Amino acid sequence: MRRYVFILLLFGVFVGCQDKEVDPDGTIETNARLVNNLPVDGCEWHFMITHDHHTSFYLPSKSTAYKVETIIATLPRSGGAITTRVRIRYRPTSQKGHVQCGFGRIAEYDEIDIIEIRKR
């Protein structure tokens, strides 16, 4: 009996710790990292979103990139990688975007429409 209570308790904690919220209109709100690793041979500005031990990479759509640029403009410049934690509400698109990476590589990531973004 104790084992079942323990398993149920663990499941409740796991479900309660989820930070991804999906609205009926298809928008998703979640924590993310806005990252520019190009100075250390990574990729230019993109989003990293981790859920259930899986990390996905996204780019803002061209029509909503200005919302991300307002956050980027507030970040201190350094010679290395730049990362900031953000909370975003977005809607997936069916488009792919391209981002410059180190060693002349171009990465292709899914694009998302940014509905709202704020620093955490």
PDB file of N, CA and C in Angstrom:
ATOM      1  N   MET A   1       0.820  -1.191   0.000  1.00  0.00           N
ATOM      2  CA  MET A   1       0.000   0.000   0.000  1.00  0.00           C
ATOM      3  C   MET A   1       0.867   1.259   0.000  1.00  0.00           C
ATOM      4  N   ARG A   2       1.944   1.233   0.782  1.00  0.00           N
ATOM      5  CA  ARG A   2       2.827   2.391   0.842  1.00  0.00           C
ATOM      6  C   ARG A   2       3.451   2.667  -0.525  1.00  0.00           C
ATOM      7  N   ARG A   3       3.760   1.601  -1.235  1.00  0.00           N
ATOM      8  CA  ARG A   3       4.371   1.747  -2.556  1.00  0.00           C
ATOM      9  C   ARG A   3       3.428   2.501  -3.495  1.00  0.00           C
ATOM     10  N   TYR A   4       2.131   2.173  -3.467  1.00  0.00           N
ATOM     11  CA  TYR A   4       1.163   2.839  -4.339  1.00  0.00           C
ATOM     12  C   TYR A   4       1.011   4.313  -3.981  1.00  0.00           C
ATOM     13  N   VAL A   5       0.995   4.597  -2.693  1.00  0.00           N
ATOM     14  CA  VAL A   5       0.890   5.987  -2.245  1.00  0.00           C
ATOM     15  C   VAL A   5       2.128   6.761  -2.702  1.00  0.00           C
ATOM     16  N   PHE A   6       3.293   6.158  -2.564  1.00  0.00           N
ATOM     17  CA  PHE A   6       4.530   6.795  -2.981  1.00  0.00           C
ATOM     18  C   PHE A   6       4.534   7.065  -4.485  1.00  0.00           C
ATOM     19  N   ILE A   7       4.112   6.111  -5.281  1.00  0.00           N
ATOM     20  CA  ILE A   7       4.057   6.272  -6.735  1.00  0.00           C
ATOM     21  C   ILE A   7       3.071   7.373  -7.107  1.00  0.00           C
ATOM     22  N   LEU A   8       1.904   7.381  -6.485  1.00  0.00           N
ATOM     23  CA  LEU A   8       0.930   8.434  -6.753  1.00  0.00           C
ATOM     24  C   LEU A   8       1.478   9.809  -6.364  1.00  0.00           C
ATOM     25  N   LEU A   9       2.189   9.883  -5.256  1.00  0.00           N
ATOM     26  CA  LEU A   9       2.789  11.132  -4.819  1.00  0.00           C
ATOM     27  C   LEU A   9       3.828  11.622  -5.830  1.00  0.00           C
ATOM     28  N   LEU A  10       4.673  10.715  -6.292  1.00  0.00           N
ATOM     29  CA  LEU A  10       5.676  11.076  -7.304  1.00  0.00           C
ATOM     30  C   LEU A  10       5.013  11.557  -8.594  1.00  0.00           C
ATOM     31  N   PHE A  11       3.984  10.855  -9.013  1.00  0.00           N
ATOM     32  CA  PHE A  11       3.274  11.255 -10.227  1.00  0.00           C
ATOM     33  C   PHE A  11       2.674  12.650 -10.062  1.00  0.00           C
ATOM     34  N   GLY A  12       2.093  12.924  -8.903  1.00  0.00           N
ATOM     35  CA  GLY A  12       1.511  14.244  -8.640  1.00  0.00           C
ATOM     36  C   GLY A  12       2.551  15.347  -8.658  1.00  0.00           C
ATOM     37  N   VAL A  13       3.725  15.090  -8.098  1.00  0.00           N
ATOM     38  CA  VAL A  13       4.802  16.081  -8.123  1.00  0.00           C
ATOM     39  C   VAL A  13       5.268  16.304  -9.553  1.00  0.00           C
ATOM     40  N   PHE A  14       5.420  15.233 -10.313  1.00  0.00           N
ATOM     41  CA  PHE A  14       5.862  15.348 -11.700  1.00  0.00           C
ATOM     42  C   PHE A  14       4.883  16.164 -12.527  1.00  0.00           C
ATOM     43  N   VAL A  15       3.605  15.875 -12.417  1.00  0.00           N
ATOM     44  CA  VAL A  15       2.593  16.614 -13.177  1.00  0.00           C
ATOM     45  C   VAL A  15       2.539  18.064 -12.715  1.00  0.00           C
ATOM     46  N   GLY A  16       2.675  18.295 -11.433  1.00  0.00           N
ATOM     47  CA  GLY A  16       2.628  19.648 -10.902  1.00  0.00           C
ATOM     48  C   GLY A  16       3.812  20.496 -11.314  1.00  0.00           C
ATOM     49  N   CYS A  17       4.933  19.890 -11.687  1.00  0.00           N
ATOM     50  CA  CYS A  17       6.130  20.628 -12.067  1.00  0.00           C
ATOM     51  C   CYS A  17       6.166  20.971 -13.549  1.00  0.00           C
ATOM     52  N   GLN A  18       5.240  20.508 -14.299  1.00  0.00           N
ATOM     53  CA  GLN A  18       5.229  20.830 -15.728  1.00  0.00           C
ATOM     54  C   GLN A  18       4.966  22.311 -15.904  1.00  0.00           C
ATOM     55  N   ASP A  19       5.747  22.967 -16.773  1.00  0.00           N
ATOM     56  CA  ASP A  19       5.596  24.398 -16.974  1.00  0.00           C
ATOM     57  C   ASP A  19       5.083  24.733 -18.359  1.00  0.00           C
ATOM     58  N   LYS A  20       4.638  23.759 -19.085  1.00  0.00           N
ATOM     59  CA  LYS A  20       4.120  23.969 -20.430  1.00  0.00           C
ATOM     60  C   LYS A  20       2.598  23.990 -20.355  1.00  0.00           C
ATOM     61  N   GLU A  21       2.023  25.060 -20.890  1.00  0.00           N
ATOM     62  CA  GLU A  21       0.575  25.204 -20.888  1.00  0.00           C
ATOM     63  C   GLU A  21       0.095  25.340 -22.321  1.00  0.00           C
ATOM     64  N   VAL A  22      -0.851  24.498 -22.734  1.00  0.00           N
ATOM     65  CA  VAL A  22      -1.394  24.560 -24.091  1.00  0.00           C
ATOM     66  C   VAL A  22      -2.823  25.059 -24.011  1.00  0.00           C
ATOM     67  N   ASP A  23      -3.098  26.165 -24.714  1.00  0.00           N
ATOM     68  CA  ASP A  23      -4.437  26.739 -24.746  1.00  0.00           C
ATOM     69  C   ASP A  23      -5.270  26.086 -25.845  1.00  0.00           C
ATOM     70  N   PRO A  24      -6.592  26.164 -25.739  1.00  0.00           N
ATOM     71  CA  PRO A  24      -7.461  25.577 -26.766  1.00  0.00           C
ATOM     72  C   PRO A  24      -7.234  26.164 -28.168  1.00  0.00           C
ATOM     73  N   ASP A  25      -6.741  27.411 -28.239  1.00  0.00           N
ATOM     74  CA  ASP A  25      -6.516  28.026 -29.554  1.00  0.00           C
ATOM     75  C   ASP A  25      -5.184  27.616 -30.176  1.00  0.00           C
ATOM     76  N   GLY A  26      -4.459  26.714 -29.525  1.00  0.00           N
ATOM     77  CA  GLY A  26      -3.213  26.204 -30.083  1.00  0.00           C
ATOM     78  C   GLY A  26      -1.969  26.940 -29.638  1.00  0.00           C
ATOM     79  N   THR A  27      -2.131  27.981 -28.807  1.00  0.00           N
ATOM     80  CA  THR A  27      -0.948  28.664 -28.304  1.00  0.00           C
ATOM     81  C   THR A  27      -0.381  27.893 -27.127  1.00  0.00           C
ATOM     82  N   ILE A  28       0.932  28.000 -26.977  1.00  0.00           N
ATOM     83  CA  ILE A  28       1.652  27.299 -25.918  1.00  0.00           C
ATOM     84  C   ILE A  28       2.405  28.337 -25.113  1.00  0.00           C
ATOM     85  N   GLU A  29       2.353  28.218 -23.796  1.00  0.00           N
ATOM     86  CA  GLU A  29       3.141  29.093 -22.927  1.00  0.00           C
ATOM     87  C   GLU A  29       4.110  28.227 -22.143  1.00  0.00           C
ATOM     88  N   THR A  30       5.378  28.621 -22.148  1.00  0.00           N
ATOM     89  CA  THR A  30       6.398  27.815 -21.492  1.00  0.00           C
ATOM     90  C   THR A  30       7.634  28.647 -21.184  1.00  0.00           C
ATOM     91  N   ASN A  31       8.486  28.099 -20.341  1.00  0.00           N
ATOM     92  CA  ASN A  31       9.792  28.693 -20.090  1.00  0.00           C
ATOM     93  C   ASN A  31      10.727  28.273 -21.217  1.00  0.00           C
ATOM     94  N   ALA A  32      11.653  29.150 -21.558  1.00  0.00           N
ATOM     95  CA  ALA A  32      12.607  28.850 -22.627  1.00  0.00           C
ATOM     96  C   ALA A  32      13.899  29.592 -22.340  1.00  0.00           C
ATOM     97  N   ARG A  33      14.891  29.289 -23.133  1.00  0.00           N
ATOM     98  CA  ARG A  33      16.151  30.036 -23.116  1.00  0.00           C
ATOM     99  C   ARG A  33      16.332  30.651 -24.486  1.00  0.00           C
ATOM    100  N   LEU A  34      16.633  31.925 -24.502  1.00  0.00           N
ATOM    101  CA  LEU A  34      16.977  32.633 -25.722  1.00  0.00           C
ATOM    102  C   LEU A  34      18.499  32.635 -25.771  1.00  0.00           C
ATOM    103  N   VAL A  35      19.058  32.041 -26.820  1.00  0.00           N
ATOM    104  CA  VAL A  35      20.482  31.714 -26.841  1.00  0.00           C
ATOM    105  C   VAL A  35      21.153  32.220 -28.110  1.00  0.00           C
ATOM    106  N   ASN A  36      22.384  32.735 -27.941  1.00  0.00           N
ATOM    107  CA  ASN A  36      23.271  33.024 -29.067  1.00  0.00           C
ATOM    108  C   ASN A  36      24.616  32.403 -28.720  1.00  0.00           C
ATOM    109  N   ASN A  37      24.922  31.260 -29.332  1.00  0.00           N
ATOM    110  CA  ASN A  37      26.177  30.560 -29.090  1.00  0.00           C
ATOM    111  C   ASN A  37      27.163  30.710 -30.237  1.00  0.00           C
ATOM    112  N   LEU A  38      26.877  31.587 -31.200  1.00  0.00           N
ATOM    113  CA  LEU A  38      27.754  31.727 -32.359  1.00  0.00           C
ATOM    114  C   LEU A  38      29.194  32.060 -31.973  1.00  0.00           C
ATOM    115  N   PRO A  39      29.435  32.910 -30.955  1.00  0.00           N
ATOM    116  CA  PRO A  39      30.830  33.211 -30.600  1.00  0.00           C
ATOM    117  C   PRO A  39      31.637  31.987 -30.146  1.00  0.00           C
ATOM    118  N   VAL A  40      30.958  30.921 -29.760  1.00  0.00           N
ATOM    119  CA  VAL A  40      31.659  29.701 -29.344  1.00  0.00           C
ATOM    120  C   VAL A  40      31.308  28.550 -30.287  1.00  0.00           C
ATOM    121  N   ASP A  41      31.128  28.886 -31.561  1.00  0.00           N
ATOM    122  CA  ASP A  41      30.864  27.926 -32.641  1.00  0.00           C
ATOM    123  C   ASP A  41      29.536  27.200 -32.515  1.00  0.00           C
ATOM    124  N   GLY A  42      28.585  27.816 -31.840  1.00  0.00           N
ATOM    125  CA  GLY A  42      27.213  27.305 -31.808  1.00  0.00           C
ATOM    126  C   GLY A  42      26.397  28.024 -32.869  1.00  0.00           C
ATOM    127  N   CYS A  43      25.153  28.321 -32.571  1.00  0.00           N
ATOM    128  CA  CYS A  43      24.272  28.986 -33.535  1.00  0.00           C
ATOM    129  C   CYS A  43      23.835  30.351 -33.024  1.00  0.00           C
ATOM    130  N   GLU A  44      23.468  31.242 -33.970  1.00  0.00           N
ATOM    131  CA  GLU A  44      22.965  32.571 -33.630  1.00  0.00           C
ATOM    132  C   GLU A  44      21.672  32.444 -32.830  1.00  0.00           C
ATOM    133  N   TRP A  45      21.010  33.568 -32.600  1.00  0.00           N
ATOM    134  CA  TRP A  45      19.839  33.648 -31.736  1.00  0.00           C
ATOM    135  C   TRP A  45      18.779  32.614 -32.100  1.00  0.00           C
ATOM    136  N   HIS A  46      18.365  31.849 -31.091  1.00  0.00           N
ATOM    137  CA  HIS A  46      17.298  30.858 -31.233  1.00  0.00           C
ATOM    138  C   HIS A  46      16.760  30.543 -29.838  1.00  0.00           C
ATOM    139  N   PHE A  47      15.658  29.829 -29.808  1.00  0.00           N
ATOM    140  CA  PHE A  47      15.066  29.397 -28.545  1.00  0.00           C
ATOM    141  C   PHE A  47      15.410  27.941 -28.287  1.00  0.00           C
ATOM    142  N   MET A  48      15.715  27.640 -27.016  1.00  0.00           N
ATOM    143  CA  MET A  48      15.869  26.260 -26.548  1.00  0.00           C
ATOM    144  C   MET A  48      14.749  26.009 -25.554  1.00  0.00           C
ATOM    145  N   ILE A  49      13.945  24.979 -25.827  1.00  0.00           N
ATOM    146  CA  ILE A  49      12.851  24.626 -24.926  1.00  0.00           C
ATOM    147  C   ILE A  49      13.018  23.161 -24.547  1.00  0.00           C
ATOM    148  N   THR A  50      13.081  22.904 -23.240  1.00  0.00           N
ATOM    149  CA  THR A  50      13.276  21.548 -22.749  1.00  0.00           C
ATOM    150  C   THR A  50      12.017  21.074 -22.032  1.00  0.00           C
ATOM    151  N   HIS A  51      11.509  19.922 -22.454  1.00  0.00           N
ATOM    152  CA  HIS A  51      10.362  19.269 -21.818  1.00  0.00           C
ATOM    153  C   HIS A  51      10.629  17.772 -21.791  1.00  0.00           C
ATOM    154  N   ASP A  52      10.389  17.176 -20.666  1.00  0.00           N
ATOM    155  CA  ASP A  52      10.518  15.727 -20.522  1.00  0.00           C
ATOM    156  C   ASP A  52      11.864  15.221 -21.040  1.00  0.00           C
ATOM    157  N   HIS A  53      12.925  15.874 -20.652  1.00  0.00           N
ATOM    158  CA  HIS A  53      14.293  15.469 -21.005  1.00  0.00           C
ATOM    159  C   HIS A  53      14.566  15.532 -22.508  1.00  0.00           C
ATOM    160  N   HIS A  54      13.808  16.327 -23.224  1.00  0.00           N
ATOM    161  CA  HIS A  54      14.005  16.516 -24.662  1.00  0.00           C
ATOM    162  C   HIS A  54      14.107  18.013 -24.933  1.00  0.00           C
ATOM    163  N   THR A  55      15.118  18.424 -25.677  1.00  0.00           N
ATOM    164  CA  THR A  55      15.305  19.834 -26.007  1.00  0.00           C
ATOM    165  C   THR A  55      14.970  20.063 -27.470  1.00  0.00           C
ATOM    166  N   SER A  56      14.158  21.086 -27.712  1.00  0.00           N
ATOM    167  CA  SER A  56      13.795  21.490 -29.070  1.00  0.00           C
ATOM    168  C   SER A  56      14.331  22.887 -29.317  1.00  0.00           C
ATOM    169  N   PHE A  57      14.623  23.173 -30.579  1.00  0.00           N
ATOM    170  CA  PHE A  57      15.157  24.466 -30.980  1.00  0.00           C
ATOM    171  C   PHE A  57      14.181  25.122 -31.947  1.00  0.00           C
ATOM    172  N   TYR A  58      13.938  26.425 -31.746  1.00  0.00           N
ATOM    173  CA  TYR A  58      12.974  27.154 -32.562  1.00  0.00           C
ATOM    174  C   TYR A  58      13.529  28.523 -32.942  1.00  0.00           C
ATOM    175  N   LEU A  59      12.989  29.056 -34.014  1.00  0.00           N
ATOM    176  CA  LEU A  59      13.265  30.423 -34.443  1.00  0.00           C
ATOM    177  C   LEU A  59      11.962  31.189 -34.473  1.00  0.00           C
ATOM    178  N   PRO A  60      12.009  32.485 -34.163  1.00  0.00           N
ATOM    179  CA  PRO A  60      10.783  33.277 -34.301  1.00  0.00           C
ATOM    180  C   PRO A  60      10.476  33.463 -35.783  1.00  0.00           C
ATOM    181  N   SER A  61       9.205  33.508 -36.121  1.00  0.00           N
ATOM    182  CA  SER A  61       8.822  33.775 -37.507  1.00  0.00           C
ATOM    183  C   SER A  61       9.283  35.188 -37.869  1.00  0.00           C
ATOM    184  N   LYS A  62       9.439  35.430 -39.138  1.00  0.00           N
ATOM    185  CA  LYS A  62       9.892  36.753 -39.595  1.00  0.00           C
ATOM    186  C   LYS A  62       8.937  37.859 -39.138  1.00  0.00           C
ATOM    187  N   SER A  63       7.648  37.548 -39.103  1.00  0.00           N
ATOM    188  CA  SER A  63       6.658  38.567 -38.726  1.00  0.00           C
ATOM    189  C   SER A  63       6.639  38.863 -37.232  1.00  0.00           C
ATOM    190  N   THR A  64       7.238  38.002 -36.401  1.00  0.00           N
ATOM    191  CA  THR A  64       7.243  38.249 -34.957  1.00  0.00           C
ATOM    192  C   THR A  64       8.652  38.400 -34.388  1.00  0.00           C
ATOM    193  N   ALA A  65       9.669  38.401 -35.247  1.00  0.00           N
ATOM    194  CA  ALA A  65      11.059  38.506 -34.783  1.00  0.00           C
ATOM    195  C   ALA A  65      11.321  39.805 -34.032  1.00  0.00           C
ATOM    196  N   TYR A  66      10.607  40.874 -34.364  1.00  0.00           N
ATOM    197  CA  TYR A  66      10.825  42.157 -33.690  1.00  0.00           C
ATOM    198  C   TYR A  66      10.565  42.061 -32.190  1.00  0.00           C
ATOM    199  N   LYS A  67       9.672  41.179 -31.765  1.00  0.00           N
ATOM    200  CA  LYS A  67       9.399  41.012 -30.340  1.00  0.00           C
ATOM    201  C   LYS A  67      10.609  40.437 -29.614  1.00  0.00           C
ATOM    202  N   VAL A  68      11.312  39.551 -30.287  1.00  0.00           N
ATOM    203  CA  VAL A  68      12.518  38.951 -29.713  1.00  0.00           C
ATOM    204  C   VAL A  68      13.653  39.968 -29.715  1.00  0.00           C
ATOM    205  N   GLU A  69      13.744  40.765 -30.762  1.00  0.00           N
ATOM    206  CA  GLU A  69      14.811  41.759 -30.861  1.00  0.00           C
ATOM    207  C   GLU A  69      14.736  42.784 -29.735  1.00  0.00           C
ATOM    208  N   THR A  70      13.530  43.065 -29.233  1.00  0.00           N
ATOM    209  CA  THR A  70      13.426  44.001 -28.108  1.00  0.00           C
ATOM    210  C   THR A  70      14.057  43.416 -26.847  1.00  0.00           C
ATOM    211  N   ILE A  71      13.966  42.105 -26.664  1.00  0.00           N
ATOM    212  CA  ILE A  71      14.623  41.443 -25.522  1.00  0.00           C
ATOM    213  C   ILE A  71      16.128  41.432 -25.746  1.00  0.00           C
ATOM    214  N   ILE A  72      16.568  41.075 -26.946  1.00  0.00           N
ATOM    215  CA  ILE A  72      17.989  40.996 -27.260  1.00  0.00           C
ATOM    216  C   ILE A  72      18.668  42.346 -27.029  1.00  0.00           C
ATOM    217  N   ALA A  73      17.995  43.430 -27.361  1.00  0.00           N
ATOM    218  CA  ALA A  73      18.568  44.771 -27.212  1.00  0.00           C
ATOM    219  C   ALA A  73      18.875  45.118 -25.755  1.00  0.00           C
ATOM    220  N   THR A  74      18.217  44.457 -24.808  1.00  0.00           N
ATOM    221  CA  THR A  74      18.432  44.754 -23.388  1.00  0.00           C
ATOM    222  C   THR A  74      19.551  43.922 -22.769  1.00  0.00           C
ATOM    223  N   LEU A  75      20.086  42.954 -23.505  1.00  0.00           N
ATOM    224  CA  LEU A  75      21.081  42.043 -22.939  1.00  0.00           C
ATOM    225  C   LEU A  75      22.484  42.627 -23.025  1.00  0.00           C
ATOM    226  N   PRO A  76      23.300  42.394 -22.003  1.00  0.00           N
ATOM    227  CA  PRO A  76      24.685  42.884 -22.053  1.00  0.00           C
ATOM    228  C   PRO A  76      25.478  42.133 -23.115  1.00  0.00           C
ATOM    229  N   ARG A  77      26.350  42.841 -23.773  1.00  0.00           N
ATOM    230  CA  ARG A  77      27.203  42.232 -24.797  1.00  0.00           C
ATOM    231  C   ARG A  77      28.446  41.661 -24.145  1.00  0.00           C
ATOM    232  N   SER A  78      28.835  40.500 -24.603  1.00  0.00           N
ATOM    233  CA  SER A  78      30.058  39.876 -24.108  1.00  0.00           C
ATOM    234  C   SER A  78      30.721  39.171 -25.284  1.00  0.00           C
ATOM    235  N   GLY A  79      31.926  38.718 -25.085  1.00  0.00           N
ATOM    236  CA  GLY A  79      32.647  38.039 -26.152  1.00  0.00           C
ATOM    237  C   GLY A  79      32.258  36.584 -26.300  1.00  0.00           C
ATOM    238  N   GLY A  80      31.473  36.068 -25.385  1.00  0.00           N
ATOM    239  CA  GLY A  80      31.115  34.660 -25.419  1.00  0.00           C
ATOM    240  C   GLY A  80      29.648  34.443 -25.713  1.00  0.00           C
ATOM    241  N   ALA A  81      29.190  33.277 -25.356  1.00  0.00           N
ATOM    242  CA  ALA A  81      27.790  32.919 -25.568  1.00  0.00           C
ATOM    243  C   ALA A  81      26.889  33.787 -24.696  1.00  0.00           C
ATOM    244  N   ILE A  82      25.714  34.079 -25.213  1.00  0.00           N
ATOM    245  CA  ILE A  82      24.735  34.870 -24.472  1.00  0.00           C
ATOM    246  C   ILE A  82      23.476  34.025 -24.311  1.00  0.00           C
ATOM    247  N   THR A  83      23.008  33.917 -23.082  1.00  0.00           N
ATOM    248  CA  THR A  83      21.801  33.149 -22.788  1.00  0.00           C
ATOM    249  C   THR A  83      20.962  33.927 -21.781  1.00  0.00           C
ATOM    250  N   THR A  84      19.664  33.958 -22.009  1.00  0.00           N
ATOM    251  CA  THR A  84      18.763  34.552 -21.027  1.00  0.00           C
ATOM    252  C   THR A  84      17.504  33.694 -20.924  1.00  0.00           C
ATOM    253  N   ARG A  85      16.981  33.616 -19.732  1.00  0.00           N
ATOM    254  CA  ARG A  85      15.756  32.858 -19.505  1.00  0.00           C
ATOM    255  C   ARG A  85      14.566  33.738 -19.818  1.00  0.00           C
ATOM    256  N   VAL A  86      13.612  33.185 -20.555  1.00  0.00           N
ATOM    257  CA  VAL A  86      12.406  33.926 -20.929  1.00  0.00           C
ATOM    258  C   VAL A  86      11.176  33.052 -20.715  1.00  0.00           C
ATOM    259  N   ARG A  87      10.060  33.699 -20.672  1.00  0.00           N
ATOM    260  CA  ARG A  87       8.753  33.034 -20.682  1.00  0.00           C
ATOM    261  C   ARG A  87       8.108  33.450 -21.989  1.00  0.00           C
ATOM    262  N   ILE A  88       7.725  32.482 -22.814  1.00  0.00           N
ATOM    263  CA  ILE A  88       7.130  32.811 -24.102  1.00  0.00           C
ATOM    264  C   ILE A  88       5.765  32.158 -24.257  1.00  0.00           C
ATOM    265  N   ARG A  89       4.923  32.851 -24.971  1.00  0.00           N
ATOM    266  CA  ARG A  89       3.654  32.290 -25.430  1.00  0.00           C
ATOM    267  C   ARG A  89       3.759  32.326 -26.948  1.00  0.00           C
ATOM    268  N   TYR A  90       3.595  31.164 -27.563  1.00  0.00           N
ATOM    269  CA  TYR A  90       3.806  31.065 -28.997  1.00  0.00           C
ATOM    270  C   TYR A  90       2.828  30.109 -29.646  1.00  0.00           C
ATOM    271  N   ARG A  91       2.810  30.170 -30.961  1.00  0.00           N
ATOM    272  CA  ARG A  91       1.985  29.258 -31.752  1.00  0.00           C
ATOM    273  C   ARG A  91       2.904  28.620 -32.798  1.00  0.00           C
ATOM    274  N   PRO A  92       2.938  27.298 -32.866  1.00  0.00           N
ATOM    275  CA  PRO A  92       3.763  26.644 -33.884  1.00  0.00           C
ATOM    276  C   PRO A  92       3.279  27.002 -35.294  1.00  0.00           C
ATOM    277  N   THR A  93       4.216  27.083 -36.217  1.00  0.00           N
ATOM    278  CA  THR A  93       3.878  27.283 -37.623  1.00  0.00           C
ATOM    279  C   THR A  93       4.351  26.045 -38.378  1.00  0.00           C
ATOM    280  N   SER A  94       4.057  25.985 -39.627  1.00  0.00           N
ATOM    281  CA  SER A  94       4.536  24.854 -40.437  1.00  0.00           C
ATOM    282  C   SER A  94       5.784  25.244 -41.226  1.00  0.00           C
ATOM    283  N   GLN A  95       6.355  26.395 -40.892  1.00  0.00           N
ATOM    284  CA  GLN A  95       7.513  26.913 -41.619  1.00  0.00           C
ATOM    285  C   GLN A  95       8.821  26.490 -40.955  1.00  0.00           C
ATOM    286  N   LYS A  96       9.870  26.478 -41.757  1.00  0.00           N
ATOM    287  CA  LYS A  96      11.227  26.230 -41.266  1.00  0.00           C
ATOM    288  C   LYS A  96      12.021  27.510 -41.450  1.00  0.00           C
ATOM    289  N   GLY A  97      12.930  27.762 -40.541  1.00  0.00           N
ATOM    290  CA  GLY A  97      13.810  28.911 -40.636  1.00  0.00           C
ATOM    291  C   GLY A  97      15.251  28.452 -40.588  1.00  0.00           C
ATOM    292  N   HIS A  98      16.138  29.307 -41.045  1.00  0.00           N
ATOM    293  CA  HIS A  98      17.555  28.974 -41.079  1.00  0.00           C
ATOM    294  C   HIS A  98      18.333  29.944 -40.203  1.00  0.00           C
ATOM    295  N   VAL A  99      19.350  29.423 -39.535  1.00  0.00           N
ATOM    296  CA  VAL A  99      20.165  30.225 -38.643  1.00  0.00           C
ATOM    297  C   VAL A  99      21.634  29.882 -38.883  1.00  0.00           C
ATOM    298  N   GLN A 100      22.477  30.921 -38.840  1.00  0.00           N
ATOM    299  CA  GLN A 100      23.912  30.755 -39.032  1.00  0.00           C
ATOM    300  C   GLN A 100      24.537  30.114 -37.802  1.00  0.00           C
ATOM    301  N   CYS A 101      25.383  29.133 -38.040  1.00  0.00           N
ATOM    302  CA  CYS A 101      26.098  28.457 -36.956  1.00  0.00           C
ATOM    303  C   CYS A 101      27.601  28.504 -37.244  1.00  0.00           C
ATOM    304  N   GLY A 102      28.381  28.076 -36.268  1.00  0.00           N
ATOM    305  CA  GLY A 102      29.827  28.080 -36.412  1.00  0.00           C
ATOM    306  C   GLY A 102      30.303  27.174 -37.529  1.00  0.00           C
ATOM    307  N   PHE A 103      31.521  27.439 -37.986  1.00  0.00           N
ATOM    308  CA  PHE A 103      32.163  26.687 -39.059  1.00  0.00           C
ATOM    309  C   PHE A 103      31.380  26.772 -40.363  1.00  0.00           C
ATOM    310  N   GLY A 104      30.623  27.864 -40.552  1.00  0.00           N
ATOM    311  CA  GLY A 104      29.890  28.079 -41.794  1.00  0.00           C
ATOM    312  C   GLY A 104      28.659  27.214 -41.972  1.00  0.00           C
ATOM    313  N   ARG A 105      28.260  26.520 -40.939  1.00  0.00           N
ATOM    314  CA  ARG A 105      27.093  25.631 -41.009  1.00  0.00           C
ATOM    315  C   ARG A 105      25.813  26.445 -40.885  1.00  0.00           C
ATOM    316  N   ILE A 106      24.765  26.019 -41.551  1.00  0.00           N
ATOM    317  CA  ILE A 106      23.427  26.607 -41.446  1.00  0.00           C
ATOM    318  C   ILE A 106      22.511  25.540 -40.851  1.00  0.00           C
ATOM    319  N   ALA A 107      21.841  25.890 -39.747  1.00  0.00           N
ATOM    320  CA  ALA A 107      20.899  24.959 -39.115  1.00  0.00           C
ATOM    321  C   ALA A 107      19.479  25.329 -39.537  1.00  0.00           C
ATOM    322  N   GLU A 108      18.628  24.329 -39.618  1.00  0.00           N
ATOM    323  CA  GLU A 108      17.219  24.535 -39.942  1.00  0.00           C
ATOM    324  C   GLU A 108      16.382  24.167 -38.722  1.00  0.00           C
ATOM    325  N   TYR A 109      15.605  25.137 -38.229  1.00  0.00           N
ATOM    326  CA  TYR A 109      14.743  24.927 -37.072  1.00  0.00           C
ATOM    327  C   TYR A 109      13.311  25.281 -37.445  1.00  0.00           C
ATOM    328  N   ASP A 110      12.376  24.738 -36.690  1.00  0.00           N
ATOM    329  CA  ASP A 110      10.970  25.108 -36.860  1.00  0.00           C
ATOM    330  C   ASP A 110      10.779  26.559 -36.440  1.00  0.00           C
ATOM    331  N   GLU A 111       9.905  27.265 -37.153  1.00  0.00           N
ATOM    332  CA  GLU A 111       9.561  28.633 -36.786  1.00  0.00           C
ATOM    333  C   GLU A 111       8.315  28.636 -35.909  1.00  0.00           C
ATOM    334  N   ILE A 112       8.264  29.618 -35.017  1.00  0.00           N
ATOM    335  CA  ILE A 112       7.107  29.811 -34.158  1.00  0.00           C
ATOM    336  C   ILE A 112       6.704  31.282 -34.210  1.00  0.00           C
ATOM    337  N   ASP A 113       5.400  31.534 -34.113  1.00  0.00           N
ATOM    338  CA  ASP A 113       4.897  32.902 -33.993  1.00  0.00           C
ATOM    339  C   ASP A 113       4.929  33.261 -32.513  1.00  0.00           C
ATOM    340  N   ILE A 114       5.665  34.296 -32.179  1.00  0.00           N
ATOM    341  CA  ILE A 114       5.763  34.749 -30.797  1.00  0.00           C
ATOM    342  C   ILE A 114       4.563  35.635 -30.491  1.00  0.00           C
ATOM    343  N   ILE A 115       3.730  35.203 -29.585  1.00  0.00           N
ATOM    344  CA  ILE A 115       2.575  35.974 -29.151  1.00  0.00           C
ATOM    345  C   ILE A 115       3.014  36.953 -28.065  1.00  0.00           C
ATOM    346  N   GLU A 116       3.788  36.450 -27.109  1.00  0.00           N
ATOM    347  CA  GLU A 116       4.272  37.268 -25.997  1.00  0.00           C
ATOM    348  C   GLU A 116       5.605  36.703 -25.534  1.00  0.00           C
ATOM    349  N   ILE A 117       6.515  37.603 -25.128  1.00  0.00           N
ATOM    350  CA  ILE A 117       7.806  37.182 -24.586  1.00  0.00           C
ATOM    351  C   ILE A 117       8.193  38.146 -23.475  1.00  0.00           C
ATOM    352  N   ARG A 118       8.739  37.594 -22.391  1.00  0.00           N
ATOM    353  CA  ARG A 118       9.231  38.434 -21.288  1.00  0.00           C
ATOM    354  C   ARG A 118      10.383  37.708 -20.604  1.00  0.00           C
ATOM    355  N   LYS A 119      11.291  38.494 -20.054  1.00  0.00           N
ATOM    356  CA  LYS A 119      12.406  37.922 -19.313  1.00  0.00           C
ATOM    357  C   LYS A 119      11.911  37.362 -17.993  1.00  0.00           C
ATOM    358  N   ARG A 120      12.546  36.265 -17.539  1.00  0.00           N
ATOM    359  CA  ARG A 120      12.200  35.700 -16.233  1.00  0.00           C
ATOM    360  C   ARG A 120      13.288  36.059 -15.248  1.00  0.00           C
TER     361      ARG A 120
END
